[in-house]
Every structure is written in C-alpha cells, then in structure tokens.
Protein backbone atom coordinates (compact mmCIF):
# COMPACT_ATOMS: atom_id res chain seq x y z
CA MET A 1 29.21 -64.11 44.16
CA LEU A 2 32.78 -63.72 44.96
CA THR A 3 33.89 -61.79 48.21
CA TRP A 4 37.54 -60.30 48.73
CA PRO A 5 39.29 -60.18 51.90
CA ASP A 6 38.42 -56.50 52.21
CA GLY A 7 34.81 -57.16 52.01
CA ARG A 8 34.17 -56.06 48.47
CA GLN A 9 31.86 -58.41 46.45
CA VAL A 10 31.58 -59.14 42.66
CA ALA A 11 28.62 -61.00 41.27
CA VAL A 12 29.01 -62.88 37.96
CA GLU A 13 25.73 -63.37 36.01
CA VAL A 14 25.93 -65.76 33.03
CA GLN A 15 22.78 -64.93 30.75
CA TYR A 16 21.63 -67.03 27.98
CA ALA A 17 17.85 -66.84 28.13
CA ALA A 18 16.13 -63.54 26.98
CA MET A 19 16.03 -60.69 29.16
CA SER A 20 14.18 -57.31 28.58
CA PRO A 21 16.25 -53.97 29.09
CA GLU A 22 13.95 -53.32 32.10
CA ASP A 23 14.42 -56.41 33.92
CA TRP A 24 18.20 -56.00 33.26
CA ARG A 25 18.06 -52.37 34.79
CA VAL A 26 16.07 -53.64 38.03
CA ARG A 27 18.46 -56.43 38.64
CA HIS A 28 21.51 -53.95 37.95
CA GLN A 29 20.14 -51.54 40.41
CA SER A 30 19.55 -54.09 42.80
CA TYR A 31 23.41 -55.23 42.86
CA ARG A 32 24.47 -51.53 43.03
CA ASP A 33 22.19 -50.52 46.05
CA GLN A 34 23.87 -53.53 47.89
CA GLY A 35 27.23 -52.41 46.83
CA VAL A 36 28.02 -55.09 44.72
CA VAL A 37 29.76 -54.82 41.32
CA ASP A 38 27.83 -56.95 38.82
CA VAL A 39 29.42 -58.51 35.98
CA TRP A 40 27.23 -59.76 33.03
CA LEU A 41 28.58 -62.58 30.65
CA LEU A 42 25.89 -63.00 27.90
CA GLY A 43 25.55 -66.13 25.95
CA HIS A 44 27.46 -66.77 22.72
CA LEU A 45 24.02 -67.65 20.95
CA PRO A 46 20.95 -65.73 19.73
CA PRO A 47 19.28 -64.02 21.31
CA HIS A 48 22.26 -62.10 22.65
CA LEU A 49 24.90 -62.74 19.94
CA ARG A 50 23.77 -62.17 16.35
CA ARG A 51 25.63 -61.26 13.19
CA SER A 52 24.68 -57.84 12.23
CA SER A 53 22.39 -57.39 9.07
CA ALA A 54 23.53 -55.20 5.99
CA ARG A 55 21.93 -52.12 5.36
CA SER A 56 20.73 -50.63 2.04
CA GLY A 57 23.43 -50.70 -0.45
CA GLU A 58 25.94 -52.67 1.84
CA GLY A 59 27.81 -55.72 0.50
CA GLU A 60 28.20 -58.71 2.58
CA ASP A 61 32.27 -57.65 3.02
CA ALA A 62 30.90 -54.56 4.76
CA ILE A 63 29.67 -56.31 7.86
CA GLY A 64 32.09 -58.84 8.32
CA GLY A 65 33.12 -59.02 11.89
CA ARG A 66 30.28 -57.11 13.06
CA VAL A 67 27.61 -57.86 15.46
CA GLY A 68 24.25 -56.29 16.13
CA LEU A 69 23.41 -54.35 19.22
CA GLY A 70 20.02 -54.62 20.52
CA PRO A 71 18.16 -52.64 23.23
CA LEU A 72 19.57 -54.76 26.11
CA HIS A 73 23.19 -54.10 24.91
CA GLN A 74 22.36 -50.39 24.60
CA ALA A 75 21.03 -50.21 28.14
CA MET A 76 24.22 -52.02 29.29
CA VAL A 77 26.56 -49.47 27.53
CA ALA A 78 24.18 -46.58 28.91
CA ALA A 79 24.66 -47.84 32.45
CA GLY A 80 28.47 -48.03 31.97
CA VAL A 81 28.50 -51.76 32.03
CA PRO A 82 31.04 -53.72 29.66
CA VAL A 83 29.15 -55.62 27.13
CA LEU A 84 30.49 -59.25 27.31
CA TRP A 85 29.84 -62.45 25.66
CA ILE A 86 31.11 -65.87 26.95
CA ASN A 87 31.85 -69.11 25.05
CA PRO A 88 32.36 -71.93 27.20
CA VAL A 89 32.89 -74.25 24.63
CA GLU A 90 35.86 -72.53 23.15
CA GLU A 91 36.63 -70.78 26.50
CA ARG A 92 36.68 -67.33 24.85
CA LEU A 93 35.43 -64.04 26.23
CA GLY A 94 34.17 -61.52 23.73
CA THR A 95 33.40 -57.82 23.41
CA VAL A 96 32.70 -55.19 20.74
CA TRP A 97 34.48 -52.04 19.70
CA VAL A 98 33.61 -49.17 17.21
CA ARG A 99 35.75 -46.78 15.30
CA GLU A 100 35.48 -43.15 16.47
CA GLN A 101 37.03 -39.78 15.36
CA PRO A 102 37.79 -36.92 17.83
CA GLN A 103 34.85 -34.22 17.89
CA SER A 104 35.50 -31.74 15.04
CA TYR A 105 32.57 -29.47 15.92
CA SER A 106 33.35 -26.15 17.26
CA ASP A 107 30.57 -24.54 19.46
CA THR A 108 32.12 -21.32 19.12
CA LEU A 109 32.45 -21.07 15.40
CA GLY A 110 29.38 -23.20 14.83
CA ARG A 111 31.01 -25.56 12.29
CA SER A 112 33.33 -28.31 12.08
CA ILE A 113 36.91 -27.21 11.45
CA GLU A 114 40.64 -28.37 11.15
CA TRP A 115 41.95 -28.33 14.74
CA GLY A 116 45.69 -28.81 13.74
CA ASP A 117 46.54 -30.96 16.73
CA GLY A 118 47.57 -34.06 15.00
CA HIS A 119 44.26 -35.79 15.47
CA ASP A 120 42.17 -34.36 12.41
CA GLY A 121 40.70 -37.52 10.57
CA THR A 122 42.27 -40.00 13.09
CA GLU A 123 40.12 -42.96 14.13
CA HIS A 124 40.10 -44.50 17.45
CA THR A 125 39.14 -48.09 18.46
CA VAL A 126 36.76 -47.60 21.42
CA PRO A 127 33.72 -49.20 23.20
CA PRO A 128 30.43 -48.41 21.79
CA SER A 129 28.14 -45.73 22.86
CA ALA A 130 24.35 -46.25 23.68
CA ASP A 131 23.09 -45.03 20.26
CA HIS A 132 25.45 -47.68 18.31
CA GLU A 133 23.28 -50.69 16.65
CA ARG A 134 26.04 -52.52 15.52
CA ALA A 135 29.98 -53.03 16.35
CA TRP A 136 33.14 -55.10 15.65
CA PHE A 137 33.30 -58.45 17.49
CA GLU A 138 36.72 -59.55 19.20
CA ALA A 139 37.32 -62.16 21.70
CA ASP A 140 40.26 -62.99 24.10
CA PRO A 141 41.07 -66.58 25.58
CA LEU A 142 39.53 -67.04 29.15
CA ARG A 143 43.03 -67.57 30.43
CA ASP A 144 44.01 -64.12 29.30
CA CYS A 145 41.39 -62.49 31.43
CA ASP A 146 41.02 -61.94 35.07
CA LEU A 147 38.54 -60.89 37.72
CA THR A 148 39.21 -57.95 40.04
CA PRO A 149 36.91 -56.12 42.88
CA ASP A 150 36.28 -53.76 40.18
CA GLY A 151 34.90 -56.34 37.50
CA ILE A 152 36.32 -58.61 34.56
CA THR A 153 39.46 -57.34 32.51
CA SER A 154 40.61 -58.71 29.48
CA PRO A 155 43.35 -57.53 26.57
CA VAL A 156 40.94 -56.11 24.55
CA LEU A 157 38.84 -54.37 27.21
CA GLY A 158 42.23 -52.81 28.26
CA ARG A 159 43.10 -51.59 25.04
CA LEU A 160 39.56 -50.34 24.67
CA THR A 161 39.84 -48.51 27.76
CA GLU A 162 43.20 -46.93 27.06
CA ALA A 163 41.89 -45.51 23.78
CA ARG A 164 38.72 -44.33 25.26
CA ALA A 165 40.96 -42.31 27.86
CA ALA A 166 42.98 -41.01 24.77
CA LEU A 167 40.20 -40.10 22.80
CA ASP A 168 38.50 -38.41 25.76
CA ALA A 169 41.93 -36.46 26.53
CA VAL A 170 41.83 -35.12 22.72
CA ASN A 171 38.16 -34.22 22.86
CA GLY A 172 39.09 -32.71 26.37
CA ARG A 173 41.78 -30.59 25.08
CA ARG A 174 39.67 -29.38 22.06
CA LYS A 175 36.90 -28.63 24.45
CA ALA A 176 39.32 -26.49 26.36
CA ALA A 177 40.76 -24.82 23.39
CA ASP A 178 37.30 -24.12 21.92
CA ALA A 179 36.39 -22.46 25.53
CA GLU A 180 39.84 -20.26 25.05
CA ARG A 181 38.62 -19.06 21.55
CA ARG A 182 35.15 -18.00 22.98
CA ARG A 183 36.98 -16.33 25.79
CA MET A 184 39.20 -14.54 23.25
CA LEU A 185 36.64 -13.73 21.06
CA ASP A 186 34.61 -12.41 23.74
CA GLN A 187 37.34 -10.41 24.96
CA ARG A 188 37.82 -9.07 21.55
CA ALA A 189 34.21 -8.18 21.39
CA ALA A 190 34.26 -6.30 24.57
CA GLU A 191 37.17 -4.44 23.63
CA GLN A 192 35.83 -3.62 20.08
CA ALA A 193 32.49 -2.27 22.07
CA LYS A 194 34.59 -0.16 24.31
CA ARG A 195 36.32 1.10 21.09
CA ASP A 196 33.12 1.69 19.25
CA ALA A 197 31.59 3.54 22.48
CA ARG A 198 34.67 5.89 22.53
CA ARG A 199 34.54 6.37 18.79
CA ASN A 200 30.75 7.23 19.15
CA ALA A 201 31.51 9.44 22.09
CA ASP A 202 34.22 11.30 20.02
CA ARG A 203 31.83 11.64 17.18
CA ALA A 204 29.12 13.00 19.27
CA GLY A 205 31.44 15.38 20.97
CA PHE A 206 32.91 16.41 17.55
CA GLU A 207 29.41 16.89 16.20
CA ARG A 208 28.37 19.26 19.09
CA TRP A 209 31.87 21.10 18.58
CA LEU A 210 30.94 21.46 14.95
CA ALA A 211 27.60 22.47 15.34
CA ALA A 212 28.60 25.24 17.89
CA LYS A 213 31.41 26.25 15.54
CA THR A 214 29.42 26.43 12.53
CA ALA A 215 26.50 28.50 14.50
CA GLN A 216 29.52 30.67 15.68
CA ARG A 217 30.80 31.24 12.00
CA GLN A 218 27.32 31.89 10.69
CA ALA A 219 26.89 34.61 13.43
CA GLN A 220 30.37 36.27 12.47
CA TRP A 221 29.07 36.16 9.03
CA GLU A 222 25.70 37.90 9.46
CA ARG A 223 27.57 40.52 11.67
CA SER A 224 30.27 41.21 9.07
CA GLU A 225 30.22 44.37 7.11
CA LEU A 226 30.42 42.12 3.98
CA TYR A 227 27.10 40.38 4.84
CA ALA A 228 25.50 43.99 5.04
CA LYS A 229 26.83 44.83 1.64
CA VAL A 230 25.57 41.82 0.00
CA VAL A 231 21.99 42.07 1.31
CA ALA A 232 21.72 45.82 0.38
CA ARG A 233 23.15 45.03 -3.24
CA TYR A 234 21.03 41.68 -3.92
CA GLY A 235 18.23 42.07 -1.11
CA GLU A 236 19.21 38.89 0.11
CA VAL A 237 22.35 36.32 0.12
CA PRO A 238 22.25 34.67 -3.31
CA GLN A 239 22.12 31.18 -3.78
CA ILE A 240 25.59 30.95 -5.57
CA PHE A 241 26.69 31.70 -1.84
CA ARG A 242 24.18 29.42 0.22
CA ALA A 243 24.42 26.40 -2.22
CA ALA A 244 24.94 22.98 0.00
CA LEU A 245 28.11 21.49 -1.33
CA GLU A 246 30.10 18.45 -0.19
CA GLY A 247 33.57 18.58 1.35
CA GLN A 248 33.44 22.26 2.57
CA SER A 249 35.43 21.92 5.83
CA GLY A 250 38.70 23.10 4.37
CA VAL A 251 37.83 26.76 5.02
CA TYR A 252 37.22 28.02 8.47
CA ALA A 253 34.39 30.27 7.91
CA ALA A 254 30.62 30.14 7.04
CA PRO A 255 30.50 28.88 3.35
CA ALA A 256 28.49 32.01 2.29
CA HIS A 257 30.93 34.25 3.98
CA TRP A 258 34.35 32.90 2.28
CA ARG A 259 32.47 32.44 -1.06
CA ALA A 260 31.42 36.07 -0.96
CA VAL A 261 34.90 37.03 -0.42
CA LEU A 262 36.24 35.16 -3.45
CA TYR A 263 33.38 36.44 -5.63
CA GLY A 264 33.84 40.23 -4.82
CA ASP A 265 37.60 39.89 -5.15
CA LEU A 266 38.02 37.67 -8.25
CA ILE A 267 34.75 37.49 -10.27
CA LEU A 268 32.39 40.58 -9.43
CA GLY A 269 32.93 43.44 -12.17
CA ARG A 270 35.71 41.47 -13.78
CA PRO A 271 36.06 41.80 -17.50
CA LYS A 272 34.76 38.55 -19.25
CA GLY A 273 37.69 36.31 -20.03
CA SER A 274 39.78 37.65 -17.20
CA ARG A 275 41.50 34.78 -15.28
CA PHE A 276 42.69 33.92 -11.67
CA THR A 277 44.26 30.90 -10.06
CA ILE A 278 43.54 28.75 -7.09
CA ALA A 279 46.51 30.72 -5.22
CA ASP A 280 44.56 33.93 -6.06
CA CYS A 281 41.82 32.50 -3.89
CA TYR A 282 43.78 31.57 -0.99
CA ARG A 283 45.45 34.96 -1.03
CA SER A 284 41.92 36.83 -1.12
CA LEU A 285 40.90 34.48 1.85
CA ARG A 286 44.05 35.39 4.13
CA ALA A 287 43.53 38.95 3.19
CA ALA A 288 40.07 38.82 4.76
CA GLY A 289 41.01 37.19 7.74
CA ILE A 290 39.70 33.84 7.16
CA GLU A 291 41.93 30.77 7.68
CA VAL A 292 42.17 27.56 5.64
CA HIS A 293 42.99 24.10 6.73
CA PRO A 294 46.75 24.21 7.76
CA HIS A 295 47.78 20.56 7.46
CA SER A 296 45.70 19.30 4.32
CA ALA A 297 46.09 20.67 1.29
CA THR A 298 43.36 18.21 -0.20
CA LYS A 299 40.81 19.61 2.17
CA ARG A 300 41.12 23.17 1.46
CA ALA A 301 41.63 22.77 -2.58
CA ALA A 302 38.35 20.66 -2.26
CA ALA A 303 36.52 23.36 -0.56
CA VAL A 304 37.51 26.20 -3.15
CA LEU A 305 37.24 23.67 -6.17
CA GLY A 306 34.15 22.43 -5.30
CA TRP A 307 32.57 25.86 -5.22
CA LEU A 308 34.24 26.72 -8.46
CA GLU A 309 32.93 23.73 -10.13
CA TYR A 310 29.48 24.28 -8.96
CA LEU A 311 29.98 28.02 -10.59
CA ALA A 312 31.11 26.60 -13.98
CA ARG A 313 28.10 24.29 -13.95
CA ILE A 314 25.73 27.34 -13.79
CA GLY A 315 27.89 29.57 -16.26
CA TYR A 316 29.80 31.89 -14.01
CA VAL A 317 33.38 30.58 -15.06
CA ARG A 318 35.09 28.07 -16.88
CA ILE A 319 37.85 26.00 -15.38
CA HIS A 320 41.25 25.37 -17.48
CA LEU A 321 43.20 22.32 -16.48
CA ALA A 322 46.89 22.05 -16.84
CA GLU A 323 48.36 20.65 -19.96
CA GLY A 324 48.42 16.66 -19.74
CA SER A 325 46.60 16.65 -16.59
CA ALA A 326 43.11 15.50 -15.64
CA TRP A 327 42.67 17.21 -12.21
CA GLN A 328 45.30 20.01 -11.90
CA VAL A 329 43.85 23.35 -12.51
CA ARG A 330 45.93 25.96 -14.61
CA ASN A 331 43.36 29.01 -14.07
CA VAL A 332 39.89 29.90 -13.88
CA GLU A 333 38.23 32.03 -16.42
CA VAL A 334 35.44 34.62 -15.64
CA LEU A 335 32.38 34.41 -17.65
CA ALA A 336 29.77 36.60 -15.83
CA ASP A 337 28.90 37.89 -12.58
CA ILE A 338 25.37 37.99 -11.10
CA GLU A 339 24.41 41.30 -12.58
CA ARG A 340 25.87 40.42 -15.99
CA LEU A 341 24.30 36.70 -16.09
CA LYS A 342 20.91 38.39 -14.96
CA ALA A 343 21.35 41.16 -17.78
CA GLU A 344 22.24 38.31 -20.52
CA ASP A 345 19.23 36.18 -19.23
CA ASP A 346 17.01 39.11 -19.28
CA ALA A 347 18.22 40.06 -23.02
CA ARG A 348 17.66 36.50 -24.06
CA ARG A 349 14.15 36.58 -22.44
CA GLU A 350 13.20 39.69 -24.55
CA ARG A 351 14.45 38.21 -27.89
CA GLU A 352 12.47 35.30 -27.15
CA ARG A 353 9.43 37.58 -26.30
CA LYS A 354 9.98 39.54 -29.69
CA ARG A 355 10.35 36.44 -31.67
CA HIS A 356 6.92 35.23 -30.09
CA GLU A 357 5.29 38.39 -30.90
CA ASN A 358 6.57 38.35 -34.55
CA HIS A 359 5.25 34.77 -34.82
CA VAL A 360 1.89 35.47 -33.56
CA ARG A 361 1.49 38.78 -35.77
CA LEU A 362 2.65 36.44 -38.96
CA THR A 363 -0.04 33.82 -38.13
CA GLU A 364 -2.55 36.32 -37.68
CA LEU A 365 -1.76 37.97 -41.07
CA ARG A 366 -1.77 34.68 -42.83
CA THR A 367 -5.03 33.84 -41.40
CA ARG A 368 -6.73 37.14 -42.49
CA VAL A 369 -5.21 36.65 -46.28
CA ASN A 370 -6.65 32.97 -46.23
CA ALA A 371 -10.04 34.23 -45.17
CA ARG A 372 -9.93 36.83 -47.93
CA VAL A 373 -9.09 34.60 -50.86
CA ALA A 374 -11.55 32.23 -49.64
CA ALA A 375 -14.15 34.72 -49.71
CA ALA A 376 -13.36 35.95 -53.20
CA ALA A 377 -13.21 32.49 -54.94
CA PRO A 378 -16.08 31.67 -57.32
CA SER A 379 -18.48 28.97 -55.88
CA THR A 380 -19.90 27.09 -59.06
CA ALA A 381 -21.11 23.65 -58.45
CA PRO A 382 -19.57 21.11 -60.63
CA VAL A 383 -22.08 19.26 -63.23
CA PRO A 384 -23.03 15.83 -62.16
CA VAL A 385 -21.70 13.26 -64.62
CA PRO A 386 -22.84 9.53 -64.64
CA PRO A 387 -19.65 7.43 -63.86
CA GLU A 388 -20.38 4.82 -66.80
CA MET A 389 -20.94 7.83 -69.36
CA GLY A 390 -18.40 10.59 -68.59
CA PRO A 391 -14.91 10.70 -69.63
CA ARG A 392 -12.07 9.69 -67.07
CA PRO A 393 -11.33 12.36 -64.55
CA GLN A 394 -8.24 14.38 -65.25
CA ARG A 395 -6.01 15.73 -62.55
CA ALA A 396 -5.82 19.59 -62.83
CA ARG A 397 -2.35 21.17 -63.23
CA GLU A 398 -1.45 23.06 -60.29
CA GLN A 399 -1.29 26.68 -61.31
CA VAL A 400 1.76 28.78 -60.30
CA LEU A 401 1.42 32.26 -59.20
CA ARG A 402 4.15 34.73 -59.45
CA CYS A 403 4.90 38.02 -57.75
CA SER A 404 3.95 41.00 -60.31
CA THR A 405 7.09 42.86 -58.96
CA CYS A 406 9.83 40.41 -58.54
CA GLY A 407 8.48 37.43 -60.55
CA LEU A 408 9.36 34.85 -57.78
CA VAL A 409 6.61 32.30 -56.89
CA LEU A 410 3.91 33.67 -54.60
CA ASP A 411 2.35 31.95 -51.34
CA PRO A 412 -1.29 31.16 -52.48
CA CYS A 413 -2.63 33.13 -49.61
CA LEU A 414 -1.04 36.12 -51.27
CA ALA A 415 -2.82 35.29 -54.67
CA ARG A 416 -5.25 38.29 -54.06
CA LEU A 417 -2.46 40.70 -53.53
CA GLY A 418 -0.36 39.60 -56.59
CA HIS A 419 2.71 40.63 -54.87
CA HIS A 420 4.99 40.07 -51.61
CA VAL A 421 4.23 41.77 -48.41
CA GLY A 422 6.54 44.45 -47.24
CA GLY A 423 8.22 44.94 -50.61
CA CYS A 424 10.36 42.72 -52.69
C-alpha cells in the first residue's frame, strides 16, 4: 500500500495464483469502496499469461505475438482496470493491445458508409475491450514505468491511452455528424410533409372548385336554348355529346354543350365529304360564347381533337393529317350525322333482313323439292348375292341431269322438274 502526501492511496497486487472473476470483483470493489486505487500485476506464467491458440484455418504466423484473454482479463477490462503482467526476472511490465477501426455504421442510414473524414479503413492500436479473447502482447522495462496516485504508467500504456482518445474523438465526431444528418433528414421530412399537406389542401380546394364549376356549367347547358333543341330533336342528349373522354379541360363549358355547338355548326346536315379545320372549331366556340384555355394550346387542342378522334372511331368523320406529319391535323372530313348514320344503319339492317328472308325461302324450296324427288323414286330391294359366288361390285356411274331448256347441269333436287326454277 502506498500513500501520497495528500492522503491518496494506491494498492499494488501481484497475483500469480489463480483467481476467479467473481473473487477479483469483490476485492476490486472493496478497494474502491475505501477510496484506494488498486493496481493488479498478474504473473508472467500460466494461468494468467498464455500464448493464444490458433483458430480454424489460421497458421502459426497468424497468432505470433498474441496472448489469450480469459474471463479474469475480460472482467478487469470491463471494470476499466489496465491488464498488466509483471516479469520480475527480466524486470519488465507487459500489457496488451488490439487493432480497431473507427465506427463506420450510420444509425441514420442503417448501414456502413464511407465517412470521408480521412479515417476510413485506418486502424488504431488501442487497449482491448471486454469481448476480445486475444490480443497482441508488448512489454516495457520496469525502469521506464512509473507509479502515480492514479495508478501505474508505462510507454505502451501511454501510447494506447492516446490512441484510444484519438479513436474516441473520431467516433465522437462521426456520431455528431450522424446526429446532424438525422436532424437534417428529419427537417427535410417535416418540410416535405408541410409541402405535401399544402399540396393536398390545394388539390382538395381545386377539386371542390372544379366540382362547383362543373355543376355550374352543366346547369348553364341544361338551361340553354341549344339543350332544348337537342332534346326536342333526339328525345335526349345523344351519346356522342355525353361520351366520357380524357383531357377535356381545355374548353370552359360542359362537354355536351360545346360538342353540341360544334356538331350543329360543322357536321349536322353537311354534305358527305365536306371538310372543316380545327380553327373552324375554335371560331364556332367563340361565336357561341364558349371560351377555351387562353394559355395552353395543347389543352384546348386535346379537348377538341379528343372528341373528333372519338367521332372518327364510330364513323362520323375522318381526320386527315398534314403531309409528312404524324400528329398535325390538316382538316376533318364529314362522313355522316346522326340522322344519316341512323338511316344508313336502318338500310343496312333492311338489306340483311331481306337477305335472310330470301335464304329462308330458298332453303324451304329445296327441302320441298328434295321431299318430292324422294317420294317419286322407285323402291326396289336389291337381289341378295352370296359374296363368294357373285361378281365383284361395280361402282355406278354418276348420272348427269341437264336442263331441258338451257342444257346446263341441273341440281339433283330439280330432277323431277327437268328445268331450272324461274326460267333460264
């Protein structure tokens, strides 16, 4: 036991005998409870100093200079007490160290990263931590060591202490940088959340405005004189006016309203093959007091062209593109209006009905003729001939019947008549 003039005390324990970690903790805590700094000098022989054993796949060169750290050493490290060995024969004081790199893991990003602080991949020689099972051994001459009120010092311990402080400083700066990164990310997330909230509020406000505007435009359309004329003419608003299409916001009116205007001005009653342009469409809308998007030619063209392309798909118009262009419209050709298309559909259905009736009559006639031919044919049973005695069967020659009027070949079902039905 050493006592300094100021009353501080240091106890030096030289331990060669085996000691369990539990016994060491009891004695260490006893010293600390009395305010005494305890210095432990372990013996330079087993069980306290053993050469490290090689692990699986390691050669002898991998363990050169290393010693094993057991439960007692780990307990001392965990308590913050330097692990020291004394060799009184050679008068040397030994300690151990390990190589450790700065922490590369970022809690904010959840992965290891390159920090770019000049310490990526660098190794520091520092005292071992409590989970190390082996370390490099290094000894100093006792004459280079000193005993202070805080414990024993040596050149190796001094170097390791400085390295640990430097490594802790690097890790501290990285931790602070990571915390700043987290703060910035949280700040950006909060700002983004505010922007999203404003955007959602703006979108909700716009949708409410649009719904109100749509209802207002629909009411204006239903109160208009044109609406009354359309309903009086067709009994309802035709589907070609009510079709739900994308990109119709470029015209500031109910879709059925402005479509009815264009239909009445440019398609209804126009001769088949007559043509109009997109500019004609805009003029018709302006004449009817309907505004289009003042700043976006794309939006107003998308609305009008979208509806014209719909009409082209169902046979009302044909769109002609400008020569050498894949999108620019030269003009629009009128093919039909509602009445004309309906009349053409009615005529087509009438032709199909007559064609079906003619087919049914012809089928019935053939059935009756075939029945008459079958009834008039003789019914004579063939004479049975034993297979082994009779002649080989001969294939009957096909009889060709010809019309008595024109001489052409007759269908077998007309054999009884002898001539074609309806004259030749």
